[in-house]
Amino acid sequence: MQPEQNETTAHLRSRRLLAAFFIGAGVNHFVNPGFYEAIVPPPLDGEAKRVVDVSGVAEVLGGVGVLLPFTRRLSGAALVALLIAVFPANLNMLREPEKFKTIPRWALLARLPLQPLMMLWAWRATRQ
């Protein structure tokens, strides 16, 4: 894939890293579904498998879309929307830390401010 004209190397690397992150995270939904099903908030508990499958597919598609010039901007907006949609799962993890004994409490807290930073990254990396 050739870089577009006027694109900085840093911007290209950022976009590729973003794509790899979301593709990897999406694939992990299918490799380790139990973890993701455990963080689904109680109102959606009965649909946990479906929620995990749909969000995993959305992450993979969003990551691939970031790499394609004709879907990049839409994929970036979709990834921001996805990050907003999954934010309640991060809150659920913090509310029920006993379910996630292997994750330190500081890491559960750190996920909350990281979410908006991920949104900013997805947005900025896909605007060119």
N, C-alpha and C. Protein backbone atom coordinates (compact mmCIF):
# COMPACT_ATOMS: atom_id res chain seq x y z
N MET A 1 0.85 -1.17 0.00
CA MET A 1 0.00 0.00 0.00
C MET A 1 0.89 1.24 0.00
N GLN A 2 0.74 2.09 -0.98
CA GLN A 2 1.55 3.29 -1.12
C GLN A 2 1.00 4.41 -0.24
N PRO A 3 1.87 5.16 0.44
CA PRO A 3 1.40 6.30 1.21
C PRO A 3 0.85 7.37 0.28
N GLU A 4 -0.16 8.07 0.76
CA GLU A 4 -0.74 9.15 -0.03
C GLU A 4 0.21 10.33 -0.02
N GLN A 5 0.10 11.19 -1.03
CA GLN A 5 0.94 12.38 -1.10
C GLN A 5 0.68 13.25 0.11
N ASN A 6 1.72 13.95 0.55
CA ASN A 6 1.65 14.87 1.68
C ASN A 6 1.39 14.19 3.02
N GLU A 7 1.55 12.90 3.08
CA GLU A 7 1.31 12.19 4.33
C GLU A 7 2.64 12.00 5.05
N THR A 8 2.67 12.31 6.32
CA THR A 8 3.91 12.15 7.07
C THR A 8 4.09 10.68 7.45
N THR A 9 5.33 10.32 7.65
CA THR A 9 5.64 8.95 8.08
C THR A 9 4.99 8.66 9.42
N ALA A 10 5.01 9.63 10.31
CA ALA A 10 4.42 9.43 11.64
C ALA A 10 2.91 9.17 11.53
N HIS A 11 2.25 9.90 10.65
CA HIS A 11 0.81 9.72 10.48
C HIS A 11 0.50 8.34 9.91
N LEU A 12 1.30 7.91 8.95
CA LEU A 12 1.11 6.59 8.36
C LEU A 12 1.34 5.50 9.40
N ARG A 13 2.39 5.64 10.19
CA ARG A 13 2.66 4.65 11.25
C ARG A 13 1.53 4.63 12.28
N SER A 14 1.05 5.79 12.64
CA SER A 14 -0.04 5.88 13.61
C SER A 14 -1.27 5.14 13.10
N ARG A 15 -1.60 5.35 11.84
CA ARG A 15 -2.77 4.70 11.26
C ARG A 15 -2.58 3.19 11.19
N ARG A 16 -1.39 2.76 10.81
CA ARG A 16 -1.12 1.32 10.74
C ARG A 16 -1.17 0.68 12.13
N LEU A 17 -0.65 1.37 13.11
CA LEU A 17 -0.70 0.87 14.49
C LEU A 17 -2.14 0.80 14.98
N LEU A 18 -2.92 1.83 14.67
CA LEU A 18 -4.34 1.83 15.03
C LEU A 18 -5.05 0.64 14.40
N ALA A 19 -4.80 0.40 13.13
CA ALA A 19 -5.42 -0.73 12.44
C ALA A 19 -5.02 -2.05 13.09
N ALA A 20 -3.73 -2.21 13.36
CA ALA A 20 -3.25 -3.44 13.98
C ALA A 20 -3.87 -3.65 15.36
N PHE A 21 -3.99 -2.56 16.11
CA PHE A 21 -4.58 -2.65 17.45
C PHE A 21 -6.02 -3.17 17.36
N PHE A 22 -6.82 -2.56 16.50
CA PHE A 22 -8.23 -2.95 16.42
C PHE A 22 -8.43 -4.32 15.78
N ILE A 23 -7.63 -4.64 14.79
CA ILE A 23 -7.74 -5.98 14.20
C ILE A 23 -7.37 -7.03 15.25
N GLY A 24 -6.27 -6.79 15.96
CA GLY A 24 -5.86 -7.72 17.01
C GLY A 24 -6.88 -7.84 18.12
N ALA A 25 -7.41 -6.72 18.56
CA ALA A 25 -8.42 -6.74 19.61
C ALA A 25 -9.68 -7.46 19.14
N GLY A 26 -10.07 -7.22 17.90
CA GLY A 26 -11.26 -7.89 17.37
C GLY A 26 -11.08 -9.39 17.28
N VAL A 27 -9.93 -9.82 16.79
CA VAL A 27 -9.64 -11.26 16.71
C VAL A 27 -9.65 -11.87 18.10
N ASN A 28 -9.12 -11.12 19.07
CA ASN A 28 -9.07 -11.63 20.45
C ASN A 28 -10.47 -11.90 21.02
N HIS A 29 -11.48 -11.22 20.52
CA HIS A 29 -12.86 -11.48 20.95
C HIS A 29 -13.25 -12.93 20.67
N PHE A 30 -12.67 -13.51 19.63
CA PHE A 30 -13.00 -14.88 19.23
C PHE A 30 -12.02 -15.89 19.82
N VAL A 31 -10.83 -15.43 20.15
CA VAL A 31 -9.82 -16.30 20.76
C VAL A 31 -10.09 -16.45 22.25
N ASN A 32 -10.53 -15.37 22.89
CA ASN A 32 -10.74 -15.35 24.33
C ASN A 32 -12.11 -14.75 24.66
N PRO A 33 -13.19 -15.35 24.17
CA PRO A 33 -14.52 -14.74 24.33
C PRO A 33 -14.98 -14.65 25.79
N GLY A 34 -14.53 -15.56 26.62
CA GLY A 34 -14.97 -15.56 28.03
C GLY A 34 -14.64 -14.26 28.74
N PHE A 35 -13.46 -13.71 28.47
CA PHE A 35 -13.08 -12.44 29.09
C PHE A 35 -14.05 -11.35 28.70
N TYR A 36 -14.34 -11.25 27.41
CA TYR A 36 -15.20 -10.19 26.92
C TYR A 36 -16.66 -10.39 27.36
N GLU A 37 -17.10 -11.63 27.41
CA GLU A 37 -18.46 -11.89 27.88
C GLU A 37 -18.60 -11.49 29.34
N ALA A 38 -17.54 -11.64 30.14
CA ALA A 38 -17.59 -11.27 31.55
C ALA A 38 -17.71 -9.77 31.77
N ILE A 39 -17.29 -8.96 30.81
CA ILE A 39 -17.35 -7.50 31.01
C ILE A 39 -18.60 -6.88 30.41
N VAL A 40 -19.43 -7.68 29.77
CA VAL A 40 -20.68 -7.14 29.22
C VAL A 40 -21.55 -6.67 30.40
N PRO A 41 -22.04 -5.44 30.36
CA PRO A 41 -22.85 -4.91 31.46
C PRO A 41 -24.13 -5.74 31.69
N PRO A 42 -24.62 -5.77 32.94
CA PRO A 42 -25.77 -6.60 33.29
C PRO A 42 -27.00 -6.46 32.38
N PRO A 43 -27.37 -5.26 31.92
CA PRO A 43 -28.56 -5.19 31.06
C PRO A 43 -28.45 -6.01 29.77
N LEU A 44 -27.22 -6.28 29.34
CA LEU A 44 -27.02 -7.03 28.09
C LEU A 44 -26.50 -8.45 28.36
N ASP A 45 -26.50 -8.84 29.61
CA ASP A 45 -25.93 -10.12 30.02
C ASP A 45 -26.50 -11.31 29.23
N GLY A 46 -27.78 -11.29 28.95
CA GLY A 46 -28.40 -12.39 28.22
C GLY A 46 -27.95 -12.47 26.77
N GLU A 47 -27.38 -11.41 26.27
CA GLU A 47 -26.91 -11.35 24.89
C GLU A 47 -25.39 -11.23 24.83
N ALA A 48 -24.70 -11.65 25.88
CA ALA A 48 -23.25 -11.43 25.98
C ALA A 48 -22.50 -12.00 24.78
N LYS A 49 -22.80 -13.21 24.37
CA LYS A 49 -22.09 -13.81 23.25
C LYS A 49 -22.30 -13.00 21.98
N ARG A 50 -23.52 -12.60 21.74
CA ARG A 50 -23.82 -11.80 20.54
C ARG A 50 -23.11 -10.44 20.59
N VAL A 51 -23.13 -9.81 21.76
CA VAL A 51 -22.46 -8.51 21.92
C VAL A 51 -20.97 -8.65 21.64
N VAL A 52 -20.36 -9.70 22.17
CA VAL A 52 -18.93 -9.94 21.97
C VAL A 52 -18.63 -10.22 20.50
N ASP A 53 -19.44 -11.05 19.87
CA ASP A 53 -19.24 -11.37 18.45
C ASP A 53 -19.37 -10.12 17.58
N VAL A 54 -20.42 -9.34 17.80
CA VAL A 54 -20.65 -8.15 16.99
C VAL A 54 -19.55 -7.12 17.20
N SER A 55 -19.15 -6.92 18.46
CA SER A 55 -18.10 -5.93 18.70
C SER A 55 -16.75 -6.41 18.15
N GLY A 56 -16.50 -7.71 18.19
CA GLY A 56 -15.27 -8.26 17.61
C GLY A 56 -15.23 -8.06 16.11
N VAL A 57 -16.33 -8.35 15.44
CA VAL A 57 -16.40 -8.15 13.99
C VAL A 57 -16.24 -6.65 13.66
N ALA A 58 -16.90 -5.80 14.45
CA ALA A 58 -16.81 -4.35 14.22
C ALA A 58 -15.38 -3.86 14.37
N GLU A 59 -14.65 -4.39 15.35
CA GLU A 59 -13.27 -3.97 15.54
C GLU A 59 -12.38 -4.41 14.37
N VAL A 60 -12.57 -5.64 13.92
CA VAL A 60 -11.78 -6.13 12.78
C VAL A 60 -12.09 -5.30 11.53
N LEU A 61 -13.37 -5.12 11.24
CA LEU A 61 -13.74 -4.34 10.06
C LEU A 61 -13.27 -2.90 10.15
N GLY A 62 -13.39 -2.31 11.33
CA GLY A 62 -12.92 -0.94 11.51
C GLY A 62 -11.42 -0.84 11.30
N GLY A 63 -10.68 -1.81 11.84
CA GLY A 63 -9.23 -1.81 11.67
C GLY A 63 -8.83 -1.96 10.21
N VAL A 64 -9.48 -2.85 9.49
CA VAL A 64 -9.19 -3.02 8.07
C VAL A 64 -9.59 -1.75 7.31
N GLY A 65 -10.74 -1.20 7.66
CA GLY A 65 -11.21 0.01 6.98
C GLY A 65 -10.28 1.20 7.13
N VAL A 66 -9.57 1.27 8.24
CA VAL A 66 -8.61 2.34 8.47
C VAL A 66 -7.48 2.30 7.43
N LEU A 67 -7.16 1.13 6.95
CA LEU A 67 -6.07 0.97 5.99
C LEU A 67 -6.46 1.32 4.56
N LEU A 68 -7.74 1.36 4.27
CA LEU A 68 -8.23 1.59 2.91
C LEU A 68 -8.64 3.05 2.75
N PRO A 69 -8.03 3.76 1.82
CA PRO A 69 -8.32 5.19 1.67
C PRO A 69 -9.81 5.51 1.49
N PHE A 70 -10.54 4.68 0.76
CA PHE A 70 -11.95 4.99 0.49
C PHE A 70 -12.88 4.70 1.66
N THR A 71 -12.42 4.00 2.68
CA THR A 71 -13.25 3.74 3.87
C THR A 71 -12.65 4.34 5.14
N ARG A 72 -11.51 4.97 5.02
CA ARG A 72 -10.75 5.42 6.20
C ARG A 72 -11.54 6.35 7.10
N ARG A 73 -12.10 7.41 6.54
CA ARG A 73 -12.80 8.40 7.37
C ARG A 73 -14.03 7.79 8.04
N LEU A 74 -14.79 7.02 7.29
CA LEU A 74 -15.97 6.36 7.86
C LEU A 74 -15.56 5.36 8.94
N SER A 75 -14.50 4.62 8.69
CA SER A 75 -14.01 3.64 9.67
C SER A 75 -13.56 4.33 10.95
N GLY A 76 -12.89 5.47 10.81
CA GLY A 76 -12.47 6.21 12.00
C GLY A 76 -13.66 6.66 12.83
N ALA A 77 -14.68 7.19 12.16
CA ALA A 77 -15.89 7.61 12.87
C ALA A 77 -16.58 6.40 13.52
N ALA A 78 -16.60 5.28 12.81
CA ALA A 78 -17.22 4.06 13.35
C ALA A 78 -16.45 3.55 14.56
N LEU A 79 -15.13 3.64 14.53
CA LEU A 79 -14.34 3.20 15.68
C LEU A 79 -14.57 4.11 16.89
N VAL A 80 -14.72 5.41 16.65
CA VAL A 80 -15.05 6.32 17.75
C VAL A 80 -16.41 5.92 18.35
N ALA A 81 -17.39 5.67 17.49
CA ALA A 81 -18.71 5.25 17.97
C ALA A 81 -18.63 3.93 18.74
N LEU A 82 -17.83 3.01 18.24
CA LEU A 82 -17.65 1.73 18.93
C LEU A 82 -17.04 1.93 20.31
N LEU A 83 -16.03 2.78 20.39
CA LEU A 83 -15.41 3.04 21.69
C LEU A 83 -16.40 3.67 22.67
N ILE A 84 -17.28 4.51 22.17
CA ILE A 84 -18.33 5.08 23.02
C ILE A 84 -19.27 3.96 23.47
N ALA A 85 -19.63 3.08 22.56
CA ALA A 85 -20.58 2.00 22.87
C ALA A 85 -20.03 1.01 23.89
N VAL A 86 -18.73 0.77 23.88
CA VAL A 86 -18.17 -0.22 24.81
C VAL A 86 -17.71 0.40 26.13
N PHE A 87 -17.81 1.70 26.25
CA PHE A 87 -17.39 2.35 27.49
C PHE A 87 -18.11 1.80 28.72
N PRO A 88 -19.41 1.50 28.64
CA PRO A 88 -20.07 0.92 29.82
C PRO A 88 -19.42 -0.38 30.30
N ALA A 89 -18.79 -1.13 29.41
CA ALA A 89 -18.09 -2.35 29.84
C ALA A 89 -16.92 -1.99 30.75
N ASN A 90 -16.22 -0.91 30.44
CA ASN A 90 -15.12 -0.47 31.31
C ASN A 90 -15.64 -0.03 32.67
N LEU A 91 -16.76 0.66 32.67
CA LEU A 91 -17.38 1.05 33.95
C LEU A 91 -17.81 -0.18 34.74
N ASN A 92 -18.35 -1.16 34.04
CA ASN A 92 -18.79 -2.40 34.69
C ASN A 92 -17.60 -3.11 35.34
N MET A 93 -16.45 -3.12 34.68
CA MET A 93 -15.26 -3.75 35.24
C MET A 93 -14.84 -3.05 36.53
N LEU A 94 -14.93 -1.75 36.55
CA LEU A 94 -14.55 -0.99 37.74
C LEU A 94 -15.55 -1.20 38.87
N ARG A 95 -16.82 -1.33 38.53
CA ARG A 95 -17.86 -1.56 39.56
C ARG A 95 -17.79 -2.95 40.15
N GLU A 96 -17.31 -3.92 39.37
CA GLU A 96 -17.26 -5.31 39.83
C GLU A 96 -15.84 -5.87 39.71
N PRO A 97 -14.89 -5.26 40.42
CA PRO A 97 -13.49 -5.68 40.28
C PRO A 97 -13.24 -7.11 40.75
N GLU A 98 -14.12 -7.64 41.59
CA GLU A 98 -13.94 -9.02 42.06
C GLU A 98 -14.05 -10.03 40.93
N LYS A 99 -14.69 -9.67 39.84
CA LYS A 99 -14.77 -10.55 38.67
C LYS A 99 -13.46 -10.57 37.87
N PHE A 100 -12.61 -9.60 38.15
CA PHE A 100 -11.38 -9.42 37.37
C PHE A 100 -10.17 -9.36 38.29
N LYS A 101 -10.03 -10.39 39.11
CA LYS A 101 -8.98 -10.41 40.13
C LYS A 101 -7.58 -10.37 39.55
N THR A 102 -7.41 -10.79 38.32
CA THR A 102 -6.07 -10.79 37.71
C THR A 102 -5.68 -9.42 37.16
N ILE A 103 -6.63 -8.49 37.14
CA ILE A 103 -6.35 -7.14 36.64
C ILE A 103 -6.25 -6.19 37.83
N PRO A 104 -5.12 -5.54 38.01
CA PRO A 104 -4.98 -4.61 39.15
C PRO A 104 -6.01 -3.48 39.07
N ARG A 105 -6.44 -3.02 40.23
CA ARG A 105 -7.45 -1.96 40.28
C ARG A 105 -6.98 -0.71 39.52
N TRP A 106 -5.67 -0.39 39.61
CA TRP A 106 -5.18 0.79 38.90
C TRP A 106 -5.41 0.65 37.40
N ALA A 107 -5.30 -0.58 36.89
CA ALA A 107 -5.50 -0.80 35.45
C ALA A 107 -6.97 -0.63 35.08
N LEU A 108 -7.86 -1.05 35.99
CA LEU A 108 -9.29 -0.84 35.74
C LEU A 108 -9.61 0.65 35.70
N LEU A 109 -8.99 1.40 36.59
CA LEU A 109 -9.19 2.85 36.60
C LEU A 109 -8.56 3.51 35.37
N ALA A 110 -7.40 3.04 34.97
CA ALA A 110 -6.68 3.64 33.85
C ALA A 110 -7.44 3.48 32.54
N ARG A 111 -8.25 2.44 32.44
CA ARG A 111 -9.02 2.23 31.20
C ARG A 111 -9.97 3.39 30.92
N LEU A 112 -10.49 4.03 31.97
CA LEU A 112 -11.49 5.07 31.77
C LEU A 112 -10.93 6.29 31.02
N PRO A 113 -9.83 6.90 31.47
CA PRO A 113 -9.32 8.04 30.70
C PRO A 113 -8.65 7.62 29.39
N LEU A 114 -8.27 6.36 29.27
CA LEU A 114 -7.67 5.92 28.01
C LEU A 114 -8.70 5.87 26.87
N GLN A 115 -9.95 5.64 27.23
CA GLN A 115 -10.99 5.53 26.20
C GLN A 115 -11.10 6.81 25.36
N PRO A 116 -11.21 7.99 25.98
CA PRO A 116 -11.26 9.21 25.16
C PRO A 116 -9.98 9.42 24.35
N LEU A 117 -8.83 9.02 24.89
CA LEU A 117 -7.59 9.14 24.13
C LEU A 117 -7.60 8.22 22.92
N MET A 118 -8.16 7.04 23.07
CA MET A 118 -8.31 6.12 21.93
C MET A 118 -9.24 6.73 20.88
N MET A 119 -10.30 7.38 21.34
CA MET A 119 -11.23 8.03 20.41
C MET A 119 -10.51 9.12 19.62
N LEU A 120 -9.72 9.92 20.32
CA LEU A 120 -8.97 10.98 19.66
C LEU A 120 -7.99 10.40 18.65
N TRP A 121 -7.31 9.34 19.03
CA TRP A 121 -6.37 8.67 18.14
C TRP A 121 -7.08 8.17 16.88
N ALA A 122 -8.20 7.48 17.08
CA ALA A 122 -8.95 6.94 15.92
C ALA A 122 -9.41 8.08 15.00
N TRP A 123 -9.85 9.16 15.58
CA TRP A 123 -10.33 10.29 14.79
C TRP A 123 -9.19 10.94 14.01
N ARG A 124 -8.12 11.28 14.71
CA ARG A 124 -7.02 12.00 14.07
C ARG A 124 -6.28 11.17 13.03
N ALA A 125 -6.15 9.88 13.30
CA ALA A 125 -5.41 9.01 12.38
C ALA A 125 -6.17 8.76 11.09
N THR A 126 -7.44 9.04 11.08
CA THR A 126 -8.26 8.72 9.89
C THR A 126 -8.78 9.97 9.16
N ARG A 127 -8.26 11.11 9.51
CA ARG A 127 -8.75 12.33 8.85
C ARG A 127 -8.01 12.65 7.58
N GLN A 128 -6.89 12.03 7.29
CA GLN A 128 -6.14 12.31 6.06
C GLN A 128 -6.43 11.29 5.02
